[in-house]
PDB file of N, CA and C in Angstrom:
ATOM      1  N   UNK A   1      -7.045 -21.092 -16.192  1.00  0.00           N
ATOM      2  CA  UNK A   1      -7.915 -19.850 -15.295  1.00  0.00           C
ATOM      3  C   UNK A   1      -8.829 -19.049 -16.299  1.00  0.00           C
ATOM      4  N   UNK A   2      -9.976 -18.964 -15.572  1.00  0.00           N
ATOM      5  CA  UNK A   2     -11.682 -18.972 -16.221  1.00  0.00           C
ATOM      6  C   UNK A   2     -11.910 -17.299 -16.740  1.00  0.00           C
ATOM      7  N   UNK A   3     -12.780 -16.856 -17.540  1.00  0.00           N
ATOM      8  CA  UNK A   3     -12.187 -15.477 -17.276  1.00  0.00           C
ATOM      9  C   UNK A   3     -13.390 -14.597 -16.853  1.00  0.00           C
ATOM     10  N   UNK A   4     -14.402 -15.699 -16.138  1.00  0.00           N
ATOM     11  CA  UNK A   4     -15.239 -15.288 -15.359  1.00  0.00           C
ATOM     12  C   UNK A   4     -13.810 -14.103 -13.817  1.00  0.00           C
ATOM     13  N   UNK A   5     -12.805 -15.653 -13.065  1.00  0.00           N
ATOM     14  CA  UNK A   5     -11.550 -15.307 -12.426  1.00  0.00           C
ATOM     15  C   UNK A   5     -10.442 -14.475 -13.043  1.00  0.00           C
ATOM     16  N   UNK A   6     -10.673 -14.929 -13.937  1.00  0.00           N
ATOM     17  CA  UNK A   6      -9.080 -13.280 -14.093  1.00  0.00           C
ATOM     18  C   UNK A   6     -10.435 -11.975 -13.840  1.00  0.00           C
ATOM     19  N   UNK A   7     -11.173 -11.843 -14.536  1.00  0.00           N
ATOM     20  CA  UNK A   7     -12.066 -10.158 -14.106  1.00  0.00           C
ATOM     21  C   UNK A   7     -12.400 -10.079 -12.623  1.00  0.00           C
ATOM     22  N   UNK A   8     -12.284 -11.247 -11.817  1.00  0.00           N
ATOM     23  CA  UNK A   8     -12.990 -10.741 -10.321  1.00  0.00           C
ATOM     24  C   UNK A   8     -10.867 -10.995  -9.943  1.00  0.00           C
ATOM     25  N   UNK A   9     -10.061 -11.742 -10.409  1.00  0.00           N
ATOM     26  CA  UNK A   9      -8.586 -11.616  -9.475  1.00  0.00           C
ATOM     27  C   UNK A   9      -8.593  -9.243 -10.151  1.00  0.00           C
ATOM     28  N   UNK A  10      -8.589  -8.853 -10.743  1.00  0.00           N
ATOM     29  CA  UNK A  10      -8.922  -7.693 -11.784  1.00  0.00           C
ATOM     30  C   UNK A  10      -9.089  -6.856 -10.960  1.00  0.00           C
ATOM     31  N   UNK A  11     -10.480  -6.899 -10.595  1.00  0.00           N
ATOM     32  CA  UNK A  11     -11.113  -6.480  -8.980  1.00  0.00           C
ATOM     33  C   UNK A  11     -11.033  -6.630  -8.109  1.00  0.00           C
ATOM     34  N   UNK A  12     -10.212  -7.666  -7.595  1.00  0.00           N
ATOM     35  CA  UNK A  12      -9.171  -7.230  -6.209  1.00  0.00           C
ATOM     36  C   UNK A  12      -8.222  -6.359  -5.834  1.00  0.00           C
ATOM     37  N   UNK A  13      -7.313  -6.518  -7.570  1.00  0.00           N
ATOM     38  CA  UNK A  13      -6.142  -5.323  -7.066  1.00  0.00           C
ATOM     39  C   UNK A  13      -6.502  -3.844  -7.776  1.00  0.00           C
ATOM     40  N   UNK A  14      -7.545  -3.858  -8.848  1.00  0.00           N
ATOM     41  CA  UNK A  14      -7.844  -2.981  -8.156  1.00  0.00           C
ATOM     42  C   UNK A  14      -8.640  -1.805  -6.891  1.00  0.00           C
ATOM     43  N   UNK A  15      -9.495  -2.977  -6.416  1.00  0.00           N
ATOM     44  CA  UNK A  15      -9.919  -2.357  -4.752  1.00  0.00           C
ATOM     45  C   UNK A  15      -8.545  -2.604  -4.411  1.00  0.00           C
ATOM     46  N   UNK A  16      -7.641  -2.860  -3.961  1.00  0.00           N
ATOM     47  CA  UNK A  16      -6.575  -3.035  -3.429  1.00  0.00           C
ATOM     48  C   UNK A  16      -5.299  -1.669  -3.692  1.00  0.00           C
ATOM     49  N   UNK A  17      -5.411  -1.261  -4.791  1.00  0.00           N
ATOM     50  CA  UNK A  17      -5.027   0.213  -5.901  1.00  0.00           C
ATOM     51  C   UNK A  17      -5.484   0.831  -4.811  1.00  0.00           C
ATOM     52  N   UNK A  18      -7.569   1.729  -5.595  1.00  0.00           N
ATOM     53  CA  UNK A  18      -8.340   2.980  -4.028  1.00  0.00           C
ATOM     54  C   UNK A  18      -8.455   2.555  -3.098  1.00  0.00           C
ATOM     55  N   UNK A  19      -7.758   1.551  -2.482  1.00  0.00           N
ATOM     56  CA  UNK A  19      -7.793   1.917  -1.032  1.00  0.00           C
ATOM     57  C   UNK A  19      -6.663   2.889  -0.387  1.00  0.00           C
ATOM     58  N   UNK A  20      -5.911   2.080  -1.180  1.00  0.00           N
ATOM     59  CA  UNK A  20      -4.186   2.688  -1.096  1.00  0.00           C
ATOM     60  C   UNK A  20      -3.891   4.226  -1.961  1.00  0.00           C
ATOM     61  N   UNK A  21      -4.732   4.356  -2.463  1.00  0.00           N
ATOM     62  CA  UNK A  21      -4.371   5.189  -3.056  1.00  0.00           C
ATOM     63  C   UNK A  21      -6.050   6.149  -1.748  1.00  0.00           C
ATOM     64  N   UNK A  22      -6.848   6.012  -1.503  1.00  0.00           N
ATOM     65  CA  UNK A  22      -7.628   6.915   0.118  1.00  0.00           C
ATOM     66  C   UNK A  22      -7.285   7.182   1.078  1.00  0.00           C
ATOM     67  N   UNK A  23      -6.259   6.090   1.188  1.00  0.00           N
ATOM     68  CA  UNK A  23      -4.759   6.186   1.948  1.00  0.00           C
ATOM     69  C   UNK A  23      -4.525   7.821   2.212  1.00  0.00           C
ATOM     70  N   UNK A  24      -3.830   7.193   1.298  1.00  0.00           N
ATOM     71  CA  UNK A  24      -3.159   8.042   0.466  1.00  0.00           C
ATOM     72  C   UNK A  24      -3.413   9.910   0.861  1.00  0.00           C
ATOM     73  N   UNK A  25      -4.913   9.833   0.192  1.00  0.00           N
ATOM     74  CA  UNK A  25      -4.981  10.833   0.684  1.00  0.00           C
ATOM     75  C   UNK A  25      -5.604  11.880   1.285  1.00  0.00           C
ATOM     76  N   UNK A  26      -6.231  11.137   2.597  1.00  0.00           N
ATOM     77  CA  UNK A  26      -6.448  10.449   4.219  1.00  0.00           C
ATOM     78  C   UNK A  26      -5.574  11.195   4.560  1.00  0.00           C
ATOM     79  N   UNK A  27      -4.243  10.459   4.006  1.00  0.00           N
ATOM     80  CA  UNK A  27      -3.221  10.971   5.575  1.00  0.00           C
ATOM     81  C   UNK A  27      -2.622  12.683   4.837  1.00  0.00           C
ATOM     82  N   UNK A  28      -3.129  13.099   3.397  1.00  0.00           N
ATOM     83  CA  UNK A  28      -2.309  14.817   3.628  1.00  0.00           C
ATOM     84  C   UNK A  28      -3.736  14.904   3.571  1.00  0.00           C
ATOM     85  N   UNK A  29      -5.090  14.860   3.613  1.00  0.00           N
ATOM     86  CA  UNK A  29      -5.875  15.597   4.439  1.00  0.00           C
ATOM     87  C   UNK A  29      -5.388  15.992   5.080  1.00  0.00           C
ATOM     88  N   UNK A  30      -5.388  14.817   6.590  1.00  0.00           N
ATOM     89  CA  UNK A  30      -4.328  15.172   7.766  1.00  0.00           C
ATOM     90  C   UNK A  30      -4.531  16.079   8.234  1.00  0.00           C
ATOM     91  N   UNK A  31      -3.310  16.177   7.226  1.00  0.00           N
ATOM     92  CA  UNK A  31      -1.563  17.161   7.440  1.00  0.00           C
ATOM     93  C   UNK A  31      -1.948  18.362   8.270  1.00  0.00           C
ATOM     94  N   UNK A  32      -0.792  18.560   8.985  1.00  0.00           N
ATOM     95  CA  UNK A  32      -1.258  20.265  10.016  1.00  0.00           C
ATOM     96  C   UNK A  32      -1.634  20.822   9.098  1.00  0.00           C
ATOM     97  N   UNK A  33      -2.205  21.802   9.083  1.00  0.00           N
ATOM     98  CA  UNK A  33      -2.366  23.479   8.594  1.00  0.00           C
ATOM     99  C   UNK A  33      -1.196  23.859   8.673  1.00  0.00           C
ATOM    100  N   UNK A  34      -0.562  24.726   7.031  1.00  0.00           N
ATOM    101  CA  UNK A  34       0.483  25.479   7.426  1.00  0.00           C
ATOM    102  C   UNK A  34      -0.027  27.467   8.235  1.00  0.00           C
ATOM    103  N   UNK A  35       1.104  27.411   9.714  1.00  0.00           N
ATOM    104  CA  UNK A  35       0.261  28.302  10.296  1.00  0.00           C
ATOM    105  C   UNK A  35      -0.108  30.368   8.962  1.00  0.00           C
ATOM    106  N   UNK A  36       0.877  29.989   8.162  1.00  0.00           N
ATOM    107  CA  UNK A  36       0.251  31.191   7.507  1.00  0.00           C
ATOM    108  C   UNK A  36      -0.790  30.831   6.858  1.00  0.00           C
ATOM    109  N   UNK A  37      -1.662  32.548   7.081  1.00  0.00           N
ATOM    110  CA  UNK A  37      -3.326  32.550   6.833  1.00  0.00           C
ATOM    111  C   UNK A  37      -3.586  32.332   4.867  1.00  0.00           C
ATOM    112  N   UNK A  38      -2.456  32.194   4.436  1.00  0.00           N
ATOM    113  CA  UNK A  38      -2.325  32.451   3.089  1.00  0.00           C
ATOM    114  C   UNK A  38      -2.164  31.538   2.245  1.00  0.00           C
ATOM    115  N   UNK A  39      -0.987  30.607   2.712  1.00  0.00           N
ATOM    116  CA  UNK A  39      -1.011  29.146   2.062  1.00  0.00           C
ATOM    117  C   UNK A  39      -1.901  27.942   2.956  1.00  0.00           C
ATOM    118  N   UNK A  40      -3.055  28.811   4.289  1.00  0.00           N
ATOM    119  CA  UNK A  40      -3.836  27.971   4.529  1.00  0.00           C
ATOM    120  C   UNK A  40      -5.137  28.136   4.032  1.00  0.00           C
ATOM    121  N   UNK A  41      -4.717  28.645   2.770  1.00  0.00           N
ATOM    122  CA  UNK A  41      -6.561  28.976   2.318  1.00  0.00           C
ATOM    123  C   UNK A  41      -6.235  27.857   0.572  1.00  0.00           C
ATOM    124  N   UNK A  42      -4.813  28.471   0.637  1.00  0.00           N
ATOM    125  CA  UNK A  42      -4.388  27.250  -0.982  1.00  0.00           C
ATOM    126  C   UNK A  42      -4.560  25.938  -0.492  1.00  0.00           C
ATOM    127  N   UNK A  43      -4.248  25.599   0.450  1.00  0.00           N
ATOM    128  CA  UNK A  43      -4.445  24.099   0.953  1.00  0.00           C
ATOM    129  C   UNK A  43      -5.603  23.985   0.291  1.00  0.00           C
ATOM    130  N   UNK A  44      -6.920  24.825   1.209  1.00  0.00           N
ATOM    131  CA  UNK A  44      -7.815  24.050   1.190  1.00  0.00           C
ATOM    132  C   UNK A  44      -9.017  23.421   0.003  1.00  0.00           C
ATOM    133  N   UNK A  45      -8.122  25.119  -0.350  1.00  0.00           N
ATOM    134  CA  UNK A  45      -8.049  24.714  -2.545  1.00  0.00           C
ATOM    135  C   UNK A  45      -7.616  23.794  -3.010  1.00  0.00           C
ATOM    136  N   UNK A  46      -7.022  22.692  -2.769  1.00  0.00           N
ATOM    137  CA  UNK A  46      -6.347  21.200  -3.067  1.00  0.00           C
ATOM    138  C   UNK A  46      -7.024  20.129  -2.198  1.00  0.00           C
ATOM    139  N   UNK A  47      -7.972  20.764  -0.929  1.00  0.00           N
ATOM    140  CA  UNK A  47      -7.747  20.256  -0.551  1.00  0.00           C
ATOM    141  C   UNK A  47     -10.179  19.489  -1.597  1.00  0.00           C
ATOM    142  N   UNK A  48     -10.215  19.813  -1.713  1.00  0.00           N
ATOM    143  CA  UNK A  48     -12.165  19.318  -2.116  1.00  0.00           C
ATOM    144  C   UNK A  48     -12.193  19.501  -3.449  1.00  0.00           C
ATOM    145  N   UNK A  49     -11.104  19.368  -4.335  1.00  0.00           N
ATOM    146  CA  UNK A  49     -10.355  17.965  -5.706  1.00  0.00           C
ATOM    147  C   UNK A  49     -10.111  16.752  -4.974  1.00  0.00           C
ATOM    148  N   UNK A  50      -8.874  16.436  -3.608  1.00  0.00           N
ATOM    149  CA  UNK A  50      -9.023  15.178  -3.275  1.00  0.00           C
ATOM    150  C   UNK A  50      -9.464  14.921  -2.786  1.00  0.00           C
ATOM    151  N   UNK A  51     -10.908  15.117  -1.595  1.00  0.00           N
ATOM    152  CA  UNK A  51     -11.926  14.367  -1.618  1.00  0.00           C
ATOM    153  C   UNK A  51     -12.914  14.618  -2.051  1.00  0.00           C
ATOM    154  N   UNK A  52     -13.074  15.095  -3.715  1.00  0.00           N
ATOM    155  CA  UNK A  52     -13.666  14.221  -4.683  1.00  0.00           C
ATOM    156  C   UNK A  52     -13.346  13.465  -5.034  1.00  0.00           C
ATOM    157  N   UNK A  53     -11.978  12.879  -5.131  1.00  0.00           N
ATOM    158  CA  UNK A  53     -11.290  11.486  -6.451  1.00  0.00           C
ATOM    159  C   UNK A  53     -11.809  10.604  -5.031  1.00  0.00           C
ATOM    160  N   UNK A  54     -11.368  10.919  -3.105  1.00  0.00           N
ATOM    161  CA  UNK A  54     -11.997  10.179  -2.157  1.00  0.00           C
ATOM    162  C   UNK A  54     -13.143   9.540  -2.108  1.00  0.00           C
ATOM    163  N   UNK A  55     -14.828  10.440  -3.101  1.00  0.00           N
ATOM    164  CA  UNK A  55     -15.583   9.905  -3.017  1.00  0.00           C
ATOM    165  C   UNK A  55     -16.122   9.162  -3.817  1.00  0.00           C
ATOM    166  N   UNK A  56     -14.982   9.376  -4.906  1.00  0.00           N
ATOM    167  CA  UNK A  56     -15.646   8.677  -5.973  1.00  0.00           C
ATOM    168  C   UNK A  56     -14.775   7.207  -5.839  1.00  0.00           C
ATOM    169  N   UNK A  57     -13.896   7.092  -5.375  1.00  0.00           N
ATOM    170  CA  UNK A  57     -12.866   6.216  -5.028  1.00  0.00           C
ATOM    171  C   UNK A  57     -14.078   4.772  -4.025  1.00  0.00           C
ATOM    172  N   UNK A  58     -14.618   5.709  -3.459  1.00  0.00           N
ATOM    173  CA  UNK A  58     -14.402   5.592  -2.185  1.00  0.00           C
ATOM    174  C   UNK A  58     -16.644   4.185  -3.175  1.00  0.00           C
ATOM    175  N   UNK A  59     -17.485   4.651  -3.297  1.00  0.00           N
ATOM    176  CA  UNK A  59     -17.969   4.242  -5.046  1.00  0.00           C
ATOM    177  C   UNK A  59     -17.373   3.522  -5.583  1.00  0.00           C
ATOM    178  N   UNK A  60     -16.853   3.364  -5.602  1.00  0.00           N
ATOM    179  CA  UNK A  60     -16.107   2.630  -6.752  1.00  0.00           C
ATOM    180  C   UNK A  60     -15.159   1.562  -5.576  1.00  0.00           C
ATOM    181  N   UNK A  61     -15.028   1.420  -4.996  1.00  0.00           N
ATOM    182  CA  UNK A  61     -14.223   0.866  -4.238  1.00  0.00           C
ATOM    183  C   UNK A  61     -16.718  -0.642  -3.690  1.00  0.00           C
ATOM    184  N   UNK A  62     -17.058   0.834  -3.464  1.00  0.00           N
ATOM    185  CA  UNK A  62     -18.728   0.003  -2.977  1.00  0.00           C
ATOM    186  C   UNK A  62     -19.601  -0.794  -3.653  1.00  0.00           C
ATOM    187  N   UNK A  63     -19.042  -0.465  -5.272  1.00  0.00           N
ATOM    188  CA  UNK A  63     -19.119  -1.262  -6.570  1.00  0.00           C
ATOM    189  C   UNK A  63     -18.810  -2.527  -6.950  1.00  0.00           C
ATOM    190  N   UNK A  64     -17.722  -2.168  -6.363  1.00  0.00           N
ATOM    191  CA  UNK A  64     -16.690  -3.507  -6.383  1.00  0.00           C
ATOM    192  C   UNK A  64     -16.864  -4.473  -5.499  1.00  0.00           C
ATOM    193  N   UNK A  65     -17.135  -4.304  -4.238  1.00  0.00           N
ATOM    194  CA  UNK A  65     -17.234  -4.765  -3.270  1.00  0.00           C
ATOM    195  C   UNK A  65     -18.640  -5.534  -3.913  1.00  0.00           C
ATOM    196  N   UNK A  66     -19.363  -4.748  -4.584  1.00  0.00           N
ATOM    197  CA  UNK A  66     -21.270  -5.843  -4.864  1.00  0.00           C
ATOM    198  C   UNK A  66     -20.877  -6.716  -5.853  1.00  0.00           C
ATOM    199  N   UNK A  67     -19.791  -6.426  -6.505  1.00  0.00           N
ATOM    200  CA  UNK A  67     -19.461  -7.557  -7.410  1.00  0.00           C
ATOM    201  C   UNK A  67     -18.542  -8.763  -6.727  1.00  0.00           C
ATOM    202  N   UNK A  68     -17.964  -8.904  -6.085  1.00  0.00           N
ATOM    203  CA  UNK A  68     -17.201  -9.462  -4.978  1.00  0.00           C
ATOM    204  C   UNK A  68     -17.960 -10.250  -5.164  1.00  0.00           C
ATOM    205  N   UNK A  69     -19.312 -10.014  -3.242  1.00  0.00           N
ATOM    206  CA  UNK A  69     -20.101 -10.256  -3.505  1.00  0.00           C
ATOM    207  C   UNK A  69     -21.001 -11.465  -4.213  1.00  0.00           C
ATOM    208  N   UNK A  70     -21.434 -10.464  -5.752  1.00  0.00           N
ATOM    209  CA  UNK A  70     -22.374 -11.510  -6.961  1.00  0.00           C
ATOM    210  C   UNK A  70     -21.028 -12.361  -6.620  1.00  0.00           C
ATOM    211  N   UNK A  71     -19.817 -12.603  -6.774  1.00  0.00           N
ATOM    212  CA  UNK A  71     -19.555 -13.651  -7.174  1.00  0.00           C
ATOM    213  C   UNK A  71     -19.503 -15.088  -6.193  1.00  0.00           C
ATOM    214  N   UNK A  72     -19.072 -14.224  -4.753  1.00  0.00           N
ATOM    215  CA  UNK A  72     -19.219 -15.241  -4.213  1.00  0.00           C
ATOM    216  C   UNK A  72     -20.815 -15.809  -3.850  1.00  0.00           C
ATOM    217  N   UNK A  73     -21.522 -14.977  -4.067  1.00  0.00           N
ATOM    218  CA  UNK A  73     -23.009 -15.326  -4.018  1.00  0.00           C
ATOM    219  C   UNK A  73     -23.683 -16.349  -5.230  1.00  0.00           C
ATOM    220  N   UNK A  74     -21.961 -16.596  -6.710  1.00  0.00           N
ATOM    221  CA  UNK A  74     -22.576 -17.407  -7.968  1.00  0.00           C
ATOM    222  C   UNK A  74     -23.661 -16.521  -8.868  1.00  0.00           C
ATOM    223  N   UNK A  75     -24.056 -15.140  -8.531  1.00  0.00           N
ATOM    224  CA  UNK A  75     -24.666 -14.792  -9.688  1.00  0.00           C
ATOM    225  C   UNK A  75     -24.147 -13.426 -10.515  1.00  0.00           C
ATOM    226  N   UNK A  76     -22.375 -13.609 -10.728  1.00  0.00           N
ATOM    227  CA  UNK A  76     -22.096 -12.375 -11.546  1.00  0.00           C
ATOM    228  C   UNK A  76     -22.222 -12.861 -12.501  1.00  0.00           C
ATOM    229  N   UNK A  77     -21.965 -11.823 -13.017  1.00  0.00           N
ATOM    230  CA  UNK A  77     -22.719 -11.906 -14.261  1.00  0.00           C
ATOM    231  C   UNK A  77     -24.259 -11.619 -15.142  1.00  0.00           C
ATOM    232  N   UNK A  78     -24.813 -11.705 -13.582  1.00  0.00           N
ATOM    233  CA  UNK A  78     -26.124 -12.049 -14.610  1.00  0.00           C
ATOM    234  C   UNK A  78     -26.413 -10.300 -14.359  1.00  0.00           C
ATOM    235  N   UNK A  79     -27.586  -9.347 -14.702  1.00  0.00           N
ATOM    236  CA  UNK A  79     -28.075  -8.580 -14.528  1.00  0.00           C
ATOM    237  C   UNK A  79     -28.739  -8.646 -13.268  1.00  0.00           C
ATOM    238  N   UNK A  80     -28.966  -7.733 -12.502  1.00  0.00           N
ATOM    239  CA  UNK A  80     -29.782  -7.302 -11.715  1.00  0.00           C
ATOM    240  C   UNK A  80     -30.586  -7.136 -12.134  1.00  0.00           C
ATOM    241  N   UNK A  81     -31.459  -6.456 -12.422  1.00  0.00           N
ATOM    242  CA  UNK A  81     -32.581  -5.855 -12.813  1.00  0.00           C
ATOM    243  C   UNK A  81     -33.345  -6.959 -13.233  1.00  0.00           C
ATOM    244  N   UNK A  82     -33.089  -7.392 -14.626  1.00  0.00           N
ATOM    245  CA  UNK A  82     -33.691  -8.706 -15.839  1.00  0.00           C
ATOM    246  C   UNK A  82     -33.801  -9.963 -14.954  1.00  0.00           C
ATOM    247  N   UNK A  83     -32.141 -10.361 -15.209  1.00  0.00           N
ATOM    248  CA  UNK A  83     -31.988 -11.347 -14.991  1.00  0.00           C
ATOM    249  C   UNK A  83     -31.206 -12.360 -16.475  1.00  0.00           C
ATOM    250  N   UNK A  84     -30.676 -11.292 -17.068  1.00  0.00           N
ATOM    251  CA  UNK A  84     -30.309 -11.767 -17.774  1.00  0.00           C
ATOM    252  C   UNK A  84     -28.708 -11.830 -18.249  1.00  0.00           C
ATOM    253  N   UNK A  85     -27.798 -12.711 -18.888  1.00  0.00           N
ATOM    254  CA  UNK A  85     -26.698 -12.633 -18.621  1.00  0.00           C
ATOM    255  C   UNK A  85     -26.076 -11.406 -19.103  1.00  0.00           C
ATOM    256  N   UNK A  86     -24.986 -10.922 -18.430  1.00  0.00           N
ATOM    257  CA  UNK A  86     -24.104  -9.464 -19.303  1.00  0.00           C
ATOM    258  C   UNK A  86     -23.579  -9.848 -20.344  1.00  0.00           C
ATOM    259  N   UNK A  87     -23.258  -9.375 -21.158  1.00  0.00           N
ATOM    260  CA  UNK A  87     -21.523  -9.874 -22.145  1.00  0.00           C
ATOM    261  C   UNK A  87     -20.341  -9.617 -22.040  1.00  0.00           C
ATOM    262  N   UNK A  88     -19.737 -10.213 -22.287  1.00  0.00           N
ATOM    263  CA  UNK A  88     -18.535 -10.839 -21.408  1.00  0.00           C
ATOM    264  C   UNK A  88     -17.852  -8.754 -21.823  1.00  0.00           C
ATOM    265  N   UNK A  89     -18.178  -8.871 -23.057  1.00  0.00           N
ATOM    266  CA  UNK A  89     -17.495  -7.583 -22.963  1.00  0.00           C
ATOM    267  C   UNK A  89     -17.730  -6.293 -22.346  1.00  0.00           C
ATOM    268  N   UNK A  90     -19.239  -6.618 -22.345  1.00  0.00           N
ATOM    269  CA  UNK A  90     -19.436  -5.692 -21.296  1.00  0.00           C
ATOM    270  C   UNK A  90     -18.807  -5.385 -19.946  1.00  0.00           C
ATOM    271  N   UNK A  91     -18.652  -6.829 -20.012  1.00  0.00           N
ATOM    272  CA  UNK A  91     -18.198  -6.899 -18.441  1.00  0.00           C
ATOM    273  C   UNK A  91     -16.783  -6.771 -18.141  1.00  0.00           C
ATOM    274  N   UNK A  92     -15.778  -7.512 -19.420  1.00  0.00           N
ATOM    275  CA  UNK A  92     -13.958  -6.984 -18.491  1.00  0.00           C
ATOM    276  C   UNK A  92     -13.813  -4.640 -19.238  1.00  0.00           C
ATOM    277  N   UNK A  93     -14.637  -4.621 -19.986  1.00  0.00           N
ATOM    278  CA  UNK A  93     -15.070  -3.167 -20.446  1.00  0.00           C
ATOM    279  C   UNK A  93     -14.871  -2.382 -18.114  1.00  0.00           C
ATOM    280  N   UNK A  94     -16.173  -3.218 -17.727  1.00  0.00           N
ATOM    281  CA  UNK A  94     -16.398  -2.686 -16.874  1.00  0.00           C
ATOM    282  C   UNK A  94     -16.858  -3.535 -15.936  1.00  0.00           C
ATOM    283  N   UNK A  95     -15.946  -4.183 -14.549  1.00  0.00           N
ATOM    284  CA  UNK A  95     -15.772  -6.063 -14.037  1.00  0.00           C
ATOM    285  C   UNK A  95     -17.481  -5.326 -13.280  1.00  0.00           C
ATOM    286  N   UNK A  96     -17.532  -4.953 -12.280  1.00  0.00           N
ATOM    287  CA  UNK A  96     -17.667  -3.905 -11.339  1.00  0.00           C
ATOM    288  C   UNK A  96     -19.625  -3.855 -11.640  1.00  0.00           C
ATOM    289  N   UNK A  97     -20.313  -3.696 -12.777  1.00  0.00           N
ATOM    290  CA  UNK A  97     -21.119  -4.032 -13.179  1.00  0.00           C
ATOM    291  C   UNK A  97     -22.021  -4.605 -12.780  1.00  0.00           C
ATOM    292  N   UNK A  98     -23.422  -4.000 -12.462  1.00  0.00           N
ATOM    293  CA  UNK A  98     -24.870  -5.281 -12.090  1.00  0.00           C
ATOM    294  C   UNK A  98     -26.091  -5.312 -12.360  1.00  0.00           C
ATOM    295  N   UNK A  99     -25.427  -4.876 -14.039  1.00  0.00           N
ATOM    296  CA  UNK A  99     -25.950  -4.674 -15.172  1.00  0.00           C
ATOM    297  C   UNK A  99     -25.945  -4.720 -16.750  1.00  0.00           C
ATOM    298  N   UNK A 100     -26.978  -5.472 -17.288  1.00  0.00           N
ATOM    299  CA  UNK A 100     -26.465  -5.684 -18.798  1.00  0.00           C
ATOM    300  C   UNK A 100     -27.041  -4.295 -19.102  1.00  0.00           C
ATOM    301  N   UNK A 101     -26.357  -4.805 -20.366  1.00  0.00           N
ATOM    302  CA  UNK A 101     -26.288  -2.953 -21.194  1.00  0.00           C
ATOM    303  C   UNK A 101     -28.338  -1.986 -21.084  1.00  0.00           C
ATOM    304  N   UNK A 102     -28.610  -2.818 -21.997  1.00  0.00           N
ATOM    305  CA  UNK A 102     -30.099  -3.030 -22.081  1.00  0.00           C
ATOM    306  C   UNK A 102     -31.276  -2.223 -20.457  1.00  0.00           C
ATOM    307  N   UNK A 103     -30.473  -2.258 -19.453  1.00  0.00           N
ATOM    308  CA  UNK A 103     -31.511  -1.929 -18.625  1.00  0.00           C
ATOM    309  C   UNK A 103     -29.951  -1.184 -18.085  1.00  0.00           C
ATOM    310  N   UNK A 104     -29.225  -1.033 -17.884  1.00  0.00           N
ATOM    311  CA  UNK A 104     -27.950   0.144 -17.794  1.00  0.00           C
ATOM    312  C   UNK A 104     -28.589   1.432 -17.977  1.00  0.00           C
ATOM    313  N   UNK A 105     -29.043   1.641 -19.663  1.00  0.00           N
ATOM    314  CA  UNK A 105     -29.898   2.535 -20.509  1.00  0.00           C
ATOM    315  C   UNK A 105     -30.888   3.349 -19.703  1.00  0.00           C
ATOM    316  N   UNK A 106     -30.784   2.504 -18.732  1.00  0.00           N
ATOM    317  CA  UNK A 106     -32.692   2.994 -18.298  1.00  0.00           C
ATOM    318  C   UNK A 106     -32.212   3.037 -16.609  1.00  0.00           C
ATOM    319  N   UNK A 107     -31.212   3.137 -16.129  1.00  0.00           N
ATOM    320  CA  UNK A 107     -30.871   3.863 -14.840  1.00  0.00           C
ATOM    321  C   UNK A 107     -30.814   4.669 -14.819  1.00  0.00           C
TER     322      UNK A 107
END
């Protein structure tokens, strides 16, 4: 198995895990509220961090989807800004990155 194929499998697995987590968040956010006003306010306090995590998860899924498209297009591992190869060490650490280290500093 090539190094890029291993990274692709990691991206697909990460996407699946994020989708499952987002589904759980959605279920929790859609649960009926406690009729007690005090309990309801505590529940709403818990919703805000969960919504933030959900938004972060959605952004990560979008980045993963873009990386998977680059795989399909045959340009994975090529910086979308300058066209240089992205170092393998960087791809291992941040497999969904569309930027080489130099271009990422300027984003």
